[in-house]
């Protein structure tokens, strides 16, 4: 076996180091009814994300099936997750279960209505 261009001796790397942890896409957090937003930094939903995303998992946000730009530790994109009422944006790698999505209608180009639906795509 080769690793980083070097030949490894059989048995020199334990199996636990060769196994990639299994993560799979969640079926939860789909077709969530939005809250009506009127201003930037309003919460997009009444509840937080259901699960903590798997380490290294990318999180995508869809509104009515269209992907939005999710802030990665910044509040200057279409939306961002926060654990403190929208004061601080979470890095995508730091999102945990119960974090709430906040909406920036002036950046996204539209405010949310109760007829809109959100879906989150991520691995758990």
PDB file of N, CA and C in Angstrom:
ATOM      1  N   UNK A   1       0.844  -1.168   0.000  1.00  0.00           N
ATOM      2  CA  UNK A   1       0.000   0.000   0.000  1.00  0.00           C
ATOM      3  C   UNK A   1       0.892   1.234   0.000  1.00  0.00           C
ATOM      4  N   UNK A   2       0.430   2.279  -0.721  1.00  0.00           N
ATOM      5  CA  UNK A   2       1.136   3.549  -0.755  1.00  0.00           C
ATOM      6  C   UNK A   2       0.374   4.595   0.050  1.00  0.00           C
ATOM      7  N   UNK A   3       1.094   5.397   0.795  1.00  0.00           N
ATOM      8  CA  UNK A   3       0.500   6.526   1.502  1.00  0.00           C
ATOM      9  C   UNK A   3       1.466   7.684   1.365  1.00  0.00           C
ATOM     10  N   UNK A   4       0.963   8.798   0.861  1.00  0.00           N
ATOM     11  CA  UNK A   4       1.790   9.981   0.619  1.00  0.00           C
ATOM     12  C   UNK A   4       3.033   9.631  -0.192  1.00  0.00           C
ATOM     13  N   UNK A   5       2.880   8.719  -1.159  1.00  0.00           N
ATOM     14  CA  UNK A   5       3.968   8.356  -2.037  1.00  0.00           C
ATOM     15  C   UNK A   5       4.991   7.409  -1.430  1.00  0.00           C
ATOM     16  N   UNK A   6       4.712   6.898  -0.216  1.00  0.00           N
ATOM     17  CA  UNK A   6       5.655   5.996   0.449  1.00  0.00           C
ATOM     18  C   UNK A   6       5.040   4.610   0.581  1.00  0.00           C
ATOM     19  N   UNK A   7       5.879   3.601   0.423  1.00  0.00           N
ATOM     20  CA  UNK A   7       5.425   2.223   0.589  1.00  0.00           C
ATOM     21  C   UNK A   7       5.284   1.924   2.078  1.00  0.00           C
ATOM     22  N   UNK A   8       4.143   1.376   2.467  1.00  0.00           N
ATOM     23  CA  UNK A   8       3.920   0.987   3.856  1.00  0.00           C
ATOM     24  C   UNK A   8       4.012  -0.525   3.972  1.00  0.00           C
ATOM     25  N   UNK A   9       4.594  -0.979   5.049  1.00  0.00           N
ATOM     26  CA  UNK A   9       4.697  -2.399   5.326  1.00  0.00           C
ATOM     27  C   UNK A   9       3.330  -2.909   5.771  1.00  0.00           C
ATOM     28  N   UNK A  10       2.932  -4.095   5.289  1.00  0.00           N
ATOM     29  CA  UNK A  10       1.662  -4.690   5.688  1.00  0.00           C
ATOM     30  C   UNK A  10       1.572  -4.767   7.209  1.00  0.00           C
ATOM     31  N   UNK A  11       0.421  -4.355   7.741  1.00  0.00           N
ATOM     32  CA  UNK A  11       0.189  -4.433   9.177  1.00  0.00           C
ATOM     33  C   UNK A  11       0.791  -3.286   9.972  1.00  0.00           C
ATOM     34  N   UNK A  12       1.453  -2.332   9.306  1.00  0.00           N
ATOM     35  CA  UNK A  12       2.096  -1.251  10.047  1.00  0.00           C
ATOM     36  C   UNK A  12       1.117  -0.136  10.433  1.00  0.00           C
ATOM     37  N   UNK A  13      -0.057  -0.131   9.809  1.00  0.00           N
ATOM     38  CA  UNK A  13      -1.088   0.854  10.144  1.00  0.00           C
ATOM     39  C   UNK A  13      -2.307   0.093  10.649  1.00  0.00           C
ATOM     40  N   UNK A  14      -2.742   0.357  11.899  1.00  0.00           N
ATOM     41  CA  UNK A  14      -3.899  -0.366  12.429  1.00  0.00           C
ATOM     42  C   UNK A  14      -5.164  -0.056  11.632  1.00  0.00           C
ATOM     43  N   UNK A  15      -6.060  -1.038  11.576  1.00  0.00           N
ATOM     44  CA  UNK A  15      -7.310  -0.879  10.836  1.00  0.00           C
ATOM     45  C   UNK A  15      -8.101   0.338  11.305  1.00  0.00           C
ATOM     46  N   UNK A  16      -8.051   0.646  12.602  1.00  0.00           N
ATOM     47  CA  UNK A  16      -8.807   1.794  13.112  1.00  0.00           C
ATOM     48  C   UNK A  16      -8.362   3.102  12.467  1.00  0.00           C
ATOM     49  N   UNK A  17      -7.131   3.166  12.011  1.00  0.00           N
ATOM     50  CA  UNK A  17      -6.625   4.363  11.341  1.00  0.00           C
ATOM     51  C   UNK A  17      -7.038   4.407   9.868  1.00  0.00           C
ATOM     52  N   UNK A  18      -7.449   3.276   9.324  1.00  0.00           N
ATOM     53  CA  UNK A  18      -7.809   3.199   7.908  1.00  0.00           C
ATOM     54  C   UNK A  18      -9.296   3.403   7.670  1.00  0.00           C
ATOM     55  N   UNK A  19     -10.097   3.246   8.689  1.00  0.00           N
ATOM     56  CA  UNK A  19     -11.544   3.321   8.546  1.00  0.00           C
ATOM     57  C   UNK A  19     -11.994   4.779   8.611  1.00  0.00           C
ATOM     58  N   UNK A  20     -12.810   5.169   7.659  1.00  0.00           N
ATOM     59  CA  UNK A  20     -13.391   6.506   7.665  1.00  0.00           C
ATOM     60  C   UNK A  20     -14.708   6.442   8.427  1.00  0.00           C
ATOM     61  N   UNK A  21     -14.909   7.326   9.398  1.00  0.00           N
ATOM     62  CA  UNK A  21     -16.180   7.308  10.123  1.00  0.00           C
ATOM     63  C   UNK A  21     -17.349   7.470   9.159  1.00  0.00           C
ATOM     64  N   UNK A  22     -18.397   6.690   9.404  1.00  0.00           N
ATOM     65  CA  UNK A  22     -19.560   6.728   8.527  1.00  0.00           C
ATOM     66  C   UNK A  22     -20.443   7.918   8.870  1.00  0.00           C
ATOM     67  N   UNK A  23     -20.785   8.706   7.880  1.00  0.00           N
ATOM     68  CA  UNK A  23     -21.753   9.785   8.009  1.00  0.00           C
ATOM     69  C   UNK A  23     -22.744   9.614   6.875  1.00  0.00           C
ATOM     70  N   UNK A  24     -23.954  10.034   7.103  1.00  0.00           N
ATOM     71  CA  UNK A  24     -24.972   9.872   6.083  1.00  0.00           C
ATOM     72  C   UNK A  24     -25.897  11.081   6.094  1.00  0.00           C
ATOM     73  N   UNK A  25     -26.493  11.386   4.944  1.00  0.00           N
ATOM     74  CA  UNK A  25     -27.400  12.532   4.873  1.00  0.00           C
ATOM     75  C   UNK A  25     -28.623  12.302   5.765  1.00  0.00           C
ATOM     76  N   UNK A  26     -29.034  13.331   6.469  1.00  0.00           N
ATOM     77  CA  UNK A  26     -30.232  13.212   7.296  1.00  0.00           C
ATOM     78  C   UNK A  26     -31.476  13.451   6.450  1.00  0.00           C
ATOM     79  N   UNK A  27     -32.553  12.781   6.837  1.00  0.00           N
ATOM     80  CA  UNK A  27     -33.846  12.996   6.190  1.00  0.00           C
ATOM     81  C   UNK A  27     -34.654  14.039   6.952  1.00  0.00           C
ATOM     82  N   UNK A  28     -34.128  14.485   8.081  1.00  0.00           N
ATOM     83  CA  UNK A  28     -34.815  15.502   8.882  1.00  0.00           C
ATOM     84  C   UNK A  28     -34.532  16.892   8.321  1.00  0.00           C
ATOM     85  N   UNK A  29     -35.205  17.863   8.883  1.00  0.00           N
ATOM     86  CA  UNK A  29     -35.005  19.279   8.530  1.00  0.00           C
ATOM     87  C   UNK A  29     -35.339  19.575   7.071  1.00  0.00           C
ATOM     88  N   UNK A  30     -36.436  19.022   6.621  1.00  0.00           N
ATOM     89  CA  UNK A  30     -36.913  19.278   5.259  1.00  0.00           C
ATOM     90  C   UNK A  30     -38.299  19.928   5.332  1.00  0.00           C
ATOM     91  N   UNK A  31     -38.584  20.836   4.408  1.00  0.00           N
ATOM     92  CA  UNK A  31     -39.890  21.498   4.293  1.00  0.00           C
ATOM     93  C   UNK A  31     -40.339  22.136   5.613  1.00  0.00           C
ATOM     94  N   UNK A  32     -39.423  22.863   6.245  1.00  0.00           N
ATOM     95  CA  UNK A  32     -39.722  23.575   7.491  1.00  0.00           C
ATOM     96  C   UNK A  32     -40.449  24.869   7.132  1.00  0.00           C
ATOM     97  N   UNK A  33     -41.551  25.123   7.805  1.00  0.00           N
ATOM     98  CA  UNK A  33     -42.294  26.357   7.552  1.00  0.00           C
ATOM     99  C   UNK A  33     -41.503  27.541   8.102  1.00  0.00           C
ATOM    100  N   UNK A  34     -41.334  28.552   7.286  1.00  0.00           N
ATOM    101  CA  UNK A  34     -40.587  29.753   7.680  1.00  0.00           C
ATOM    102  C   UNK A  34     -41.431  30.674   8.551  1.00  0.00           C
ATOM    103  N   UNK A  35     -40.749  31.473   9.331  1.00  0.00           N
ATOM    104  CA  UNK A  35     -41.372  32.617   9.988  1.00  0.00           C
ATOM    105  C   UNK A  35     -41.327  33.770   8.994  1.00  0.00           C
ATOM    106  N   UNK A  36     -42.276  34.680   9.085  1.00  0.00           N
ATOM    107  CA  UNK A  36     -42.221  35.876   8.244  1.00  0.00           C
ATOM    108  C   UNK A  36     -41.115  36.779   8.776  1.00  0.00           C
ATOM    109  N   UNK A  37     -40.237  37.223   7.884  1.00  0.00           N
ATOM    110  CA  UNK A  37     -39.167  38.135   8.290  1.00  0.00           C
ATOM    111  C   UNK A  37     -39.463  39.525   7.747  1.00  0.00           C
ATOM    112  N   UNK A  38     -39.047  40.535   8.500  1.00  0.00           N
ATOM    113  CA  UNK A  38     -39.276  41.916   8.082  1.00  0.00           C
ATOM    114  C   UNK A  38     -37.978  42.705   7.991  1.00  0.00           C
ATOM    115  N   UNK A  39     -36.938  42.214   8.674  1.00  0.00           N
ATOM    116  CA  UNK A  39     -35.663  42.925   8.714  1.00  0.00           C
ATOM    117  C   UNK A  39     -34.518  41.929   8.754  1.00  0.00           C
ATOM    118  N   UNK A  40     -33.336  42.395   8.405  1.00  0.00           N
ATOM    119  CA  UNK A  40     -32.161  41.531   8.496  1.00  0.00           C
ATOM    120  C   UNK A  40     -31.982  41.040   9.928  1.00  0.00           C
ATOM    121  N   UNK A  41     -31.448  39.843  10.045  1.00  0.00           N
ATOM    122  CA  UNK A  41     -31.141  39.196  11.322  1.00  0.00           C
ATOM    123  C   UNK A  41     -32.391  38.715  12.063  1.00  0.00           C
ATOM    124  N   UNK A  42     -33.529  38.612  11.361  1.00  0.00           N
ATOM    125  CA  UNK A  42     -34.722  37.992  11.946  1.00  0.00           C
ATOM    126  C   UNK A  42     -34.561  36.479  11.873  1.00  0.00           C
ATOM    127  N   UNK A  43     -35.090  35.734  12.869  1.00  0.00           N
ATOM    128  CA  UNK A  43     -35.028  34.272  12.786  1.00  0.00           C
ATOM    129  C   UNK A  43     -35.872  33.770  11.618  1.00  0.00           C
ATOM    130  N   UNK A  44     -35.359  32.761  10.929  1.00  0.00           N
ATOM    131  CA  UNK A  44     -36.053  32.207   9.769  1.00  0.00           C
ATOM    132  C   UNK A  44     -37.058  31.132  10.162  1.00  0.00           C
ATOM    133  N   UNK A  45     -36.850  30.514  11.311  1.00  0.00           N
ATOM    134  CA  UNK A  45     -37.729  29.439  11.780  1.00  0.00           C
ATOM    135  C   UNK A  45     -37.932  29.559  13.285  1.00  0.00           C
ATOM    136  N   UNK A  46     -38.926  28.828  13.766  1.00  0.00           N
ATOM    137  CA  UNK A  46     -39.222  28.844  15.197  1.00  0.00           C
ATOM    138  C   UNK A  46     -38.353  27.860  15.971  1.00  0.00           C
ATOM    139  N   UNK A  47     -37.700  26.947  15.269  1.00  0.00           N
ATOM    140  CA  UNK A  47     -36.874  25.947  15.957  1.00  0.00           C
ATOM    141  C   UNK A  47     -35.512  25.832  15.285  1.00  0.00           C
ATOM    142  N   UNK A  48     -34.579  25.201  15.987  1.00  0.00           N
ATOM    143  CA  UNK A  48     -33.224  25.062  15.475  1.00  0.00           C
ATOM    144  C   UNK A  48     -33.034  23.821  14.631  1.00  0.00           C
ATOM    145  N   UNK A  49     -31.833  23.694  14.120  1.00  0.00           N
ATOM    146  CA  UNK A  49     -31.450  22.512  13.344  1.00  0.00           C
ATOM    147  C   UNK A  49     -31.556  21.282  14.254  1.00  0.00           C
ATOM    148  N   UNK A  50     -32.020  20.180  13.720  1.00  0.00           N
ATOM    149  CA  UNK A  50     -32.336  19.007  14.532  1.00  0.00           C
ATOM    150  C   UNK A  50     -31.106  18.279  15.057  1.00  0.00           C
ATOM    151  N   UNK A  51     -30.084  18.123  14.237  1.00  0.00           N
ATOM    152  CA  UNK A  51     -28.909  17.330  14.604  1.00  0.00           C
ATOM    153  C   UNK A  51     -27.638  18.173  14.486  1.00  0.00           C
ATOM    154  N   UNK A  52     -26.616  17.753  15.177  1.00  0.00           N
ATOM    155  CA  UNK A  52     -25.291  18.335  14.984  1.00  0.00           C
ATOM    156  C   UNK A  52     -24.709  17.714  13.717  1.00  0.00           C
ATOM    157  N   UNK A  53     -24.339  18.514  12.737  1.00  0.00           N
ATOM    158  CA  UNK A  53     -23.764  17.950  11.511  1.00  0.00           C
ATOM    159  C   UNK A  53     -22.475  17.175  11.802  1.00  0.00           C
ATOM    160  N   UNK A  54     -22.242  16.138  11.017  1.00  0.00           N
ATOM    161  CA  UNK A  54     -21.027  15.339  11.155  1.00  0.00           C
ATOM    162  C   UNK A  54     -19.809  16.224  10.920  1.00  0.00           C
ATOM    163  N   UNK A  55     -18.727  15.867  11.571  1.00  0.00           N
ATOM    164  CA  UNK A  55     -17.480  16.610  11.406  1.00  0.00           C
ATOM    165  C   UNK A  55     -17.108  16.678   9.928  1.00  0.00           C
ATOM    166  N   UNK A  56     -16.853  17.864   9.452  1.00  0.00           N
ATOM    167  CA  UNK A  56     -16.483  18.040   8.053  1.00  0.00           C
ATOM    168  C   UNK A  56     -17.660  18.103   7.095  1.00  0.00           C
ATOM    169  N   UNK A  57     -18.883  17.981   7.620  1.00  0.00           N
ATOM    170  CA  UNK A  57     -20.071  18.004   6.770  1.00  0.00           C
ATOM    171  C   UNK A  57     -20.353  19.416   6.284  1.00  0.00           C
ATOM    172  N   UNK A  58     -20.697  19.547   5.029  1.00  0.00           N
ATOM    173  CA  UNK A  58     -21.129  20.825   4.495  1.00  0.00           C
ATOM    174  C   UNK A  58     -22.618  20.950   4.791  1.00  0.00           C
ATOM    175  N   UNK A  59     -23.056  22.126   5.137  1.00  0.00           N
ATOM    176  CA  UNK A  59     -24.469  22.390   5.393  1.00  0.00           C
ATOM    177  C   UNK A  59     -24.961  23.323   4.302  1.00  0.00           C
ATOM    178  N   UNK A  60     -26.048  22.950   3.638  1.00  0.00           N
ATOM    179  CA  UNK A  60     -26.648  23.832   2.647  1.00  0.00           C
ATOM    180  C   UNK A  60     -28.064  24.171   3.091  1.00  0.00           C
ATOM    181  N   UNK A  61     -28.493  25.372   2.722  1.00  0.00           N
ATOM    182  CA  UNK A  61     -29.819  25.875   3.069  1.00  0.00           C
ATOM    183  C   UNK A  61     -30.569  26.126   1.772  1.00  0.00           C
ATOM    184  N   UNK A  62     -31.782  25.582   1.697  1.00  0.00           N
ATOM    185  CA  UNK A  62     -32.629  25.769   0.520  1.00  0.00           C
ATOM    186  C   UNK A  62     -33.916  26.468   0.952  1.00  0.00           C
ATOM    187  N   UNK A  63     -34.332  27.469   0.203  1.00  0.00           N
ATOM    188  CA  UNK A  63     -35.624  28.113   0.408  1.00  0.00           C
ATOM    189  C   UNK A  63     -36.457  27.809  -0.826  1.00  0.00           C
ATOM    190  N   UNK A  64     -37.561  27.116  -0.619  1.00  0.00           N
ATOM    191  CA  UNK A  64     -38.429  26.700  -1.732  1.00  0.00           C
ATOM    192  C   UNK A  64     -37.629  25.975  -2.818  1.00  0.00           C
ATOM    193  N   UNK A  65     -36.614  25.224  -2.389  1.00  0.00           N
ATOM    194  CA  UNK A  65     -35.803  24.427  -3.304  1.00  0.00           C
ATOM    195  C   UNK A  65     -34.600  25.132  -3.889  1.00  0.00           C
ATOM    196  N   UNK A  66     -34.479  26.443  -3.683  1.00  0.00           N
ATOM    197  CA  UNK A  66     -33.346  27.202  -4.228  1.00  0.00           C
ATOM    198  C   UNK A  66     -32.275  27.374  -3.152  1.00  0.00           C
ATOM    199  N   UNK A  67     -31.041  27.013  -3.485  1.00  0.00           N
ATOM    200  CA  UNK A  67     -29.950  27.109  -2.507  1.00  0.00           C
ATOM    201  C   UNK A  67     -29.614  28.560  -2.211  1.00  0.00           C
ATOM    202  N   UNK A  68     -29.404  28.837  -0.932  1.00  0.00           N
ATOM    203  CA  UNK A  68     -29.044  30.170  -0.457  1.00  0.00           C
ATOM    204  C   UNK A  68     -27.581  30.165  -0.012  1.00  0.00           C
ATOM    205  N   UNK A  69     -26.997  31.344   0.143  1.00  0.00           N
ATOM    206  CA  UNK A  69     -25.615  31.445   0.579  1.00  0.00           C
ATOM    207  C   UNK A  69     -25.605  31.500   2.111  1.00  0.00           C
ATOM    208  N   UNK A  70     -25.012  30.475   2.717  1.00  0.00           N
ATOM    209  CA  UNK A  70     -24.936  30.362   4.171  1.00  0.00           C
ATOM    210  C   UNK A  70     -23.637  30.977   4.665  1.00  0.00           C
ATOM    211  N   UNK A  71     -23.739  31.891   5.614  1.00  0.00           N
ATOM    212  CA  UNK A  71     -22.553  32.504   6.194  1.00  0.00           C
ATOM    213  C   UNK A  71     -21.741  31.503   6.982  1.00  0.00           C
ATOM    214  N   UNK A  72     -20.446  31.556   6.840  1.00  0.00           N
ATOM    215  CA  UNK A  72     -19.522  30.678   7.561  1.00  0.00           C
ATOM    216  C   UNK A  72     -18.788  31.523   8.607  1.00  0.00           C
ATOM    217  N   UNK A  73     -19.496  31.783   9.714  1.00  0.00           N
ATOM    218  CA  UNK A  73     -18.935  32.627  10.756  1.00  0.00           C
ATOM    219  C   UNK A  73     -19.116  34.115  10.484  1.00  0.00           C
ATOM    220  N   UNK A  74     -19.913  34.442   9.469  1.00  0.00           N
ATOM    221  CA  UNK A  74     -20.183  35.841   9.140  1.00  0.00           C
ATOM    222  C   UNK A  74     -21.689  36.068   9.009  1.00  0.00           C
ATOM    223  N   UNK A  75     -22.099  37.304   9.256  1.00  0.00           N
ATOM    224  CA  UNK A  75     -23.510  37.683   9.168  1.00  0.00           C
ATOM    225  C   UNK A  75     -23.798  38.458   7.886  1.00  0.00           C
ATOM    226  N   UNK A  76     -22.908  38.383   6.910  1.00  0.00           N
ATOM    227  CA  UNK A  76     -23.011  39.180   5.691  1.00  0.00           C
ATOM    228  C   UNK A  76     -23.423  38.367   4.465  1.00  0.00           C
ATOM    229  N   UNK A  77     -24.032  37.219   4.685  1.00  0.00           N
ATOM    230  CA  UNK A  77     -24.535  36.383   3.591  1.00  0.00           C
ATOM    231  C   UNK A  77     -26.058  36.305   3.703  1.00  0.00           C
ATOM    232  N   UNK A  78     -26.702  35.515   2.841  1.00  0.00           N
ATOM    233  CA  UNK A  78     -28.162  35.403   2.857  1.00  0.00           C
ATOM    234  C   UNK A  78     -28.696  34.990   4.224  1.00  0.00           C
ATOM    235  N   UNK A  79     -27.976  34.072   4.877  1.00  0.00           N
ATOM    236  CA  UNK A  79     -28.432  33.535   6.151  1.00  0.00           C
ATOM    237  C   UNK A  79     -27.238  33.024   6.942  1.00  0.00           C
ATOM    238  N   UNK A  80     -27.462  32.757   8.216  1.00  0.00           N
ATOM    239  CA  UNK A  80     -26.398  32.236   9.078  1.00  0.00           C
ATOM    240  C   UNK A  80     -27.031  31.559  10.284  1.00  0.00           C
ATOM    241  N   UNK A  81     -26.306  30.636  10.877  1.00  0.00           N
ATOM    242  CA  UNK A  81     -26.761  29.985  12.108  1.00  0.00           C
ATOM    243  C   UNK A  81     -26.176  30.718  13.303  1.00  0.00           C
ATOM    244  N   UNK A  82     -26.944  30.745  14.398  1.00  0.00           N
ATOM    245  CA  UNK A  82     -26.502  31.398  15.620  1.00  0.00           C
ATOM    246  C   UNK A  82     -27.084  30.670  16.820  1.00  0.00           C
ATOM    247  N   UNK A  83     -26.363  30.741  17.937  1.00  0.00           N
ATOM    248  CA  UNK A  83     -26.836  30.149  19.192  1.00  0.00           C
ATOM    249  C   UNK A  83     -27.184  31.217  20.221  1.00  0.00           C
ATOM    250  N   UNK A  84     -26.998  32.487  19.849  1.00  0.00           N
ATOM    251  CA  UNK A  84     -27.204  33.555  20.839  1.00  0.00           C
ATOM    252  C   UNK A  84     -28.165  34.632  20.348  1.00  0.00           C
ATOM    253  N   UNK A  85     -29.251  34.210  19.726  1.00  0.00           N
ATOM    254  CA  UNK A  85     -30.258  35.159  19.289  1.00  0.00           C
ATOM    255  C   UNK A  85     -29.874  35.953  18.057  1.00  0.00           C
ATOM    256  N   UNK A  86     -28.915  35.470  17.287  1.00  0.00           N
ATOM    257  CA  UNK A  86     -28.503  36.132  16.061  1.00  0.00           C
ATOM    258  C   UNK A  86     -27.376  37.127  16.235  1.00  0.00           C
ATOM    259  N   UNK A  87     -26.871  37.268  17.468  1.00  0.00           N
ATOM    260  CA  UNK A  87     -25.795  38.231  17.723  1.00  0.00           C
ATOM    261  C   UNK A  87     -24.493  37.781  17.065  1.00  0.00           C
ATOM    262  N   UNK A  88     -24.183  36.490  17.178  1.00  0.00           N
ATOM    263  CA  UNK A  88     -22.938  35.947  16.642  1.00  0.00           C
ATOM    264  C   UNK A  88     -23.243  34.856  15.618  1.00  0.00           C
ATOM    265  N   UNK A  89     -22.620  34.938  14.455  1.00  0.00           N
ATOM    266  CA  UNK A  89     -22.778  33.912  13.431  1.00  0.00           C
ATOM    267  C   UNK A  89     -21.846  32.747  13.737  1.00  0.00           C
ATOM    268  N   UNK A  90     -22.358  31.532  13.578  1.00  0.00           N
ATOM    269  CA  UNK A  90     -21.555  30.336  13.798  1.00  0.00           C
ATOM    270  C   UNK A  90     -20.795  29.971  12.519  1.00  0.00           C
ATOM    271  N   UNK A  91     -19.581  29.472  12.683  1.00  0.00           N
ATOM    272  CA  UNK A  91     -18.877  28.852  11.560  1.00  0.00           C
ATOM    273  C   UNK A  91     -19.628  27.571  11.209  1.00  0.00           C
ATOM    274  N   UNK A  92     -19.637  27.198   9.952  1.00  0.00           N
ATOM    275  CA  UNK A  92     -20.357  25.987   9.543  1.00  0.00           C
ATOM    276  C   UNK A  92     -19.861  24.782  10.331  1.00  0.00           C
ATOM    277  N   UNK A  93     -18.561  24.683  10.560  1.00  0.00           N
ATOM    278  CA  UNK A  93     -17.993  23.556  11.301  1.00  0.00           C
ATOM    279  C   UNK A  93     -18.393  23.560  12.774  1.00  0.00           C
ATOM    280  N   UNK A  94     -18.967  24.655  13.272  1.00  0.00           N
ATOM    281  CA  UNK A  94     -19.345  24.767  14.685  1.00  0.00           C
ATOM    282  C   UNK A  94     -20.843  24.647  14.923  1.00  0.00           C
ATOM    283  N   UNK A  95     -21.629  24.440  13.867  1.00  0.00           N
ATOM    284  CA  UNK A  95     -23.083  24.322  14.026  1.00  0.00           C
ATOM    285  C   UNK A  95     -23.400  23.080  14.846  1.00  0.00           C
ATOM    286  N   UNK A  96     -24.296  23.244  15.821  1.00  0.00           N
ATOM    287  CA  UNK A  96     -24.749  22.120  16.650  1.00  0.00           C
ATOM    288  C   UNK A  96     -26.271  22.108  16.672  1.00  0.00           C
ATOM    289  N   UNK A  97     -26.823  20.968  17.080  1.00  0.00           N
ATOM    290  CA  UNK A  97     -28.271  20.837  17.209  1.00  0.00           C
ATOM    291  C   UNK A  97     -28.808  21.988  18.048  1.00  0.00           C
ATOM    292  N   UNK A  98     -29.941  22.509  17.661  1.00  0.00           N
ATOM    293  CA  UNK A  98     -30.691  23.624  18.268  1.00  0.00           C
ATOM    294  C   UNK A  98     -30.239  25.002  17.799  1.00  0.00           C
ATOM    295  N   UNK A  99     -29.116  25.126  17.064  1.00  0.00           N
ATOM    296  CA  UNK A  99     -28.748  26.435  16.523  1.00  0.00           C
ATOM    297  C   UNK A  99     -29.848  26.884  15.559  1.00  0.00           C
ATOM    298  N   UNK A 100     -30.154  28.162  15.571  1.00  0.00           N
ATOM    299  CA  UNK A 100     -31.255  28.723  14.786  1.00  0.00           C
ATOM    300  C   UNK A 100     -30.708  29.452  13.565  1.00  0.00           C
ATOM    301  N   UNK A 101     -31.442  29.361  12.464  1.00  0.00           N
ATOM    302  CA  UNK A 101     -31.067  30.062  11.235  1.00  0.00           C
ATOM    303  C   UNK A 101     -31.635  31.481  11.265  1.00  0.00           C
ATOM    304  N   UNK A 102     -30.806  32.458  10.898  1.00  0.00           N
ATOM    305  CA  UNK A 102     -31.217  33.855  10.815  1.00  0.00           C
ATOM    306  C   UNK A 102     -31.126  34.311   9.371  1.00  0.00           C
ATOM    307  N   UNK A 103     -32.032  35.217   8.980  1.00  0.00           N
ATOM    308  CA  UNK A 103     -32.215  35.600   7.589  1.00  0.00           C
ATOM    309  C   UNK A 103     -31.839  37.059   7.355  1.00  0.00           C
ATOM    310  N   UNK A 104     -31.176  37.314   6.228  1.00  0.00           N
ATOM    311  CA  UNK A 104     -30.838  38.670   5.784  1.00  0.00           C
ATOM    312  C   UNK A 104     -31.533  38.932   4.452  1.00  0.00           C
ATOM    313  N   UNK A 105     -32.753  39.424   4.517  1.00  0.00           N
ATOM    314  CA  UNK A 105     -33.541  39.656   3.309  1.00  0.00           C
ATOM    315  C   UNK A 105     -32.928  40.667   2.366  1.00  0.00           C
ATOM    316  N   UNK A 106     -32.233  41.678   2.907  1.00  0.00           N
ATOM    317  CA  UNK A 106     -31.629  42.693   2.027  1.00  0.00           C
ATOM    318  C   UNK A 106     -30.491  42.104   1.205  1.00  0.00           C
ATOM    319  N   UNK A 107     -29.843  41.068   1.727  1.00  0.00           N
ATOM    320  CA  UNK A 107     -28.748  40.414   1.000  1.00  0.00           C
ATOM    321  C   UNK A 107     -29.297  39.340   0.059  1.00  0.00           C
ATOM    322  N   UNK A 108     -30.261  38.553   0.561  1.00  0.00           N
ATOM    323  CA  UNK A 108     -30.846  37.481  -0.256  1.00  0.00           C
ATOM    324  C   UNK A 108     -31.703  38.036  -1.387  1.00  0.00           C
ATOM    325  N   UNK A 109     -32.228  39.248  -1.189  1.00  0.00           N
ATOM    326  CA  UNK A 109     -33.074  39.847  -2.216  1.00  0.00           C
ATOM    327  C   UNK A 109     -34.555  39.674  -1.968  1.00  0.00           C
ATOM    328  N   UNK A 110     -34.919  39.028  -0.857  1.00  0.00           N
ATOM    329  CA  UNK A 110     -36.333  38.854  -0.510  1.00  0.00           C
ATOM    330  C   UNK A 110     -36.463  38.504   0.969  1.00  0.00           C
ATOM    331  N   UNK A 111     -37.596  38.872   1.540  1.00  0.00           N
ATOM    332  CA  UNK A 111     -37.920  38.474   2.900  1.00  0.00           C
ATOM    333  C   UNK A 111     -38.664  37.142   2.850  1.00  0.00           C
ATOM    334  N   UNK A 112     -38.646  36.428   3.951  1.00  0.00           N
ATOM    335  CA  UNK A 112     -39.354  35.155   4.041  1.00  0.00           C
ATOM    336  C   UNK A 112     -40.808  35.384   4.430  1.00  0.00           C
ATOM    337  N   UNK A 113     -41.674  34.507   3.960  1.00  0.00           N
ATOM    338  CA  UNK A 113     -43.092  34.520   4.308  1.00  0.00           C
ATOM    339  C   UNK A 113     -43.461  33.165   4.892  1.00  0.00           C
ATOM    340  N   UNK A 114     -44.584  33.094   5.558  1.00  0.00           N
ATOM    341  CA  UNK A 114     -45.019  31.824   6.160  1.00  0.00           C
ATOM    342  C   UNK A 114     -45.397  30.796   5.101  1.00  0.00           C
ATOM    343  N   UNK A 115     -45.474  31.203   3.848  1.00  0.00           N
ATOM    344  CA  UNK A 115     -45.732  30.259   2.760  1.00  0.00           C
ATOM    345  C   UNK A 115     -44.443  29.669   2.193  1.00  0.00           C
ATOM    346  N   UNK A 116     -43.291  30.167   2.648  1.00  0.00           N
ATOM    347  CA  UNK A 116     -41.993  29.644   2.216  1.00  0.00           C
ATOM    348  C   UNK A 116     -41.602  28.450   3.073  1.00  0.00           C
ATOM    349  N   UNK A 117     -40.782  27.569   2.497  1.00  0.00           N
ATOM    350  CA  UNK A 117     -40.259  26.427   3.251  1.00  0.00           C
ATOM    351  C   UNK A 117     -38.741  26.380   3.145  1.00  0.00           C
ATOM    352  N   UNK A 118     -38.132  25.937   4.231  1.00  0.00           N
ATOM    353  CA  UNK A 118     -36.678  25.773   4.326  1.00  0.00           C
ATOM    354  C   UNK A 118     -36.343  24.295   4.377  1.00  0.00           C
ATOM    355  N   UNK A 119     -35.213  23.942   3.820  1.00  0.00           N
ATOM    356  CA  UNK A 119     -34.659  22.597   3.987  1.00  0.00           C
ATOM    357  C   UNK A 119     -33.170  22.745   4.204  1.00  0.00           C
ATOM    358  N   UNK A 120     -32.634  21.938   5.108  1.00  0.00           N
ATOM    359  CA  UNK A 120     -31.197  21.900   5.360  1.00  0.00           C
ATOM    360  C   UNK A 120     -30.682  20.569   4.854  1.00  0.00           C
ATOM    361  N   UNK A 121     -29.587  20.578   4.122  1.00  0.00           N
ATOM    362  CA  UNK A 121     -28.929  19.355   3.676  1.00  0.00           C
ATOM    363  C   UNK A 121     -27.585  19.260   4.372  1.00  0.00           C
ATOM    364  N   UNK A 122     -27.379  18.151   5.113  1.00  0.00           N
ATOM    365  CA  UNK A 122     -26.128  17.924   5.811  1.00  0.00           C
ATOM    366  C   UNK A 122     -26.049  16.461   6.235  1.00  0.00           C
ATOM    367  N   UNK A 123     -24.839  16.023   6.569  1.00  0.00           N
ATOM    368  CA  UNK A 123     -24.621  14.655   7.018  1.00  0.00           C
ATOM    369  C   UNK A 123     -24.560  14.613   8.541  1.00  0.00           C
ATOM    370  N   UNK A 124     -25.022  13.486   9.088  1.00  0.00           N
ATOM    371  CA  UNK A 124     -24.967  13.269  10.545  1.00  0.00           C
ATOM    372  C   UNK A 124     -24.211  11.983  10.835  1.00  0.00           C
TER     373      UNK A 124
END
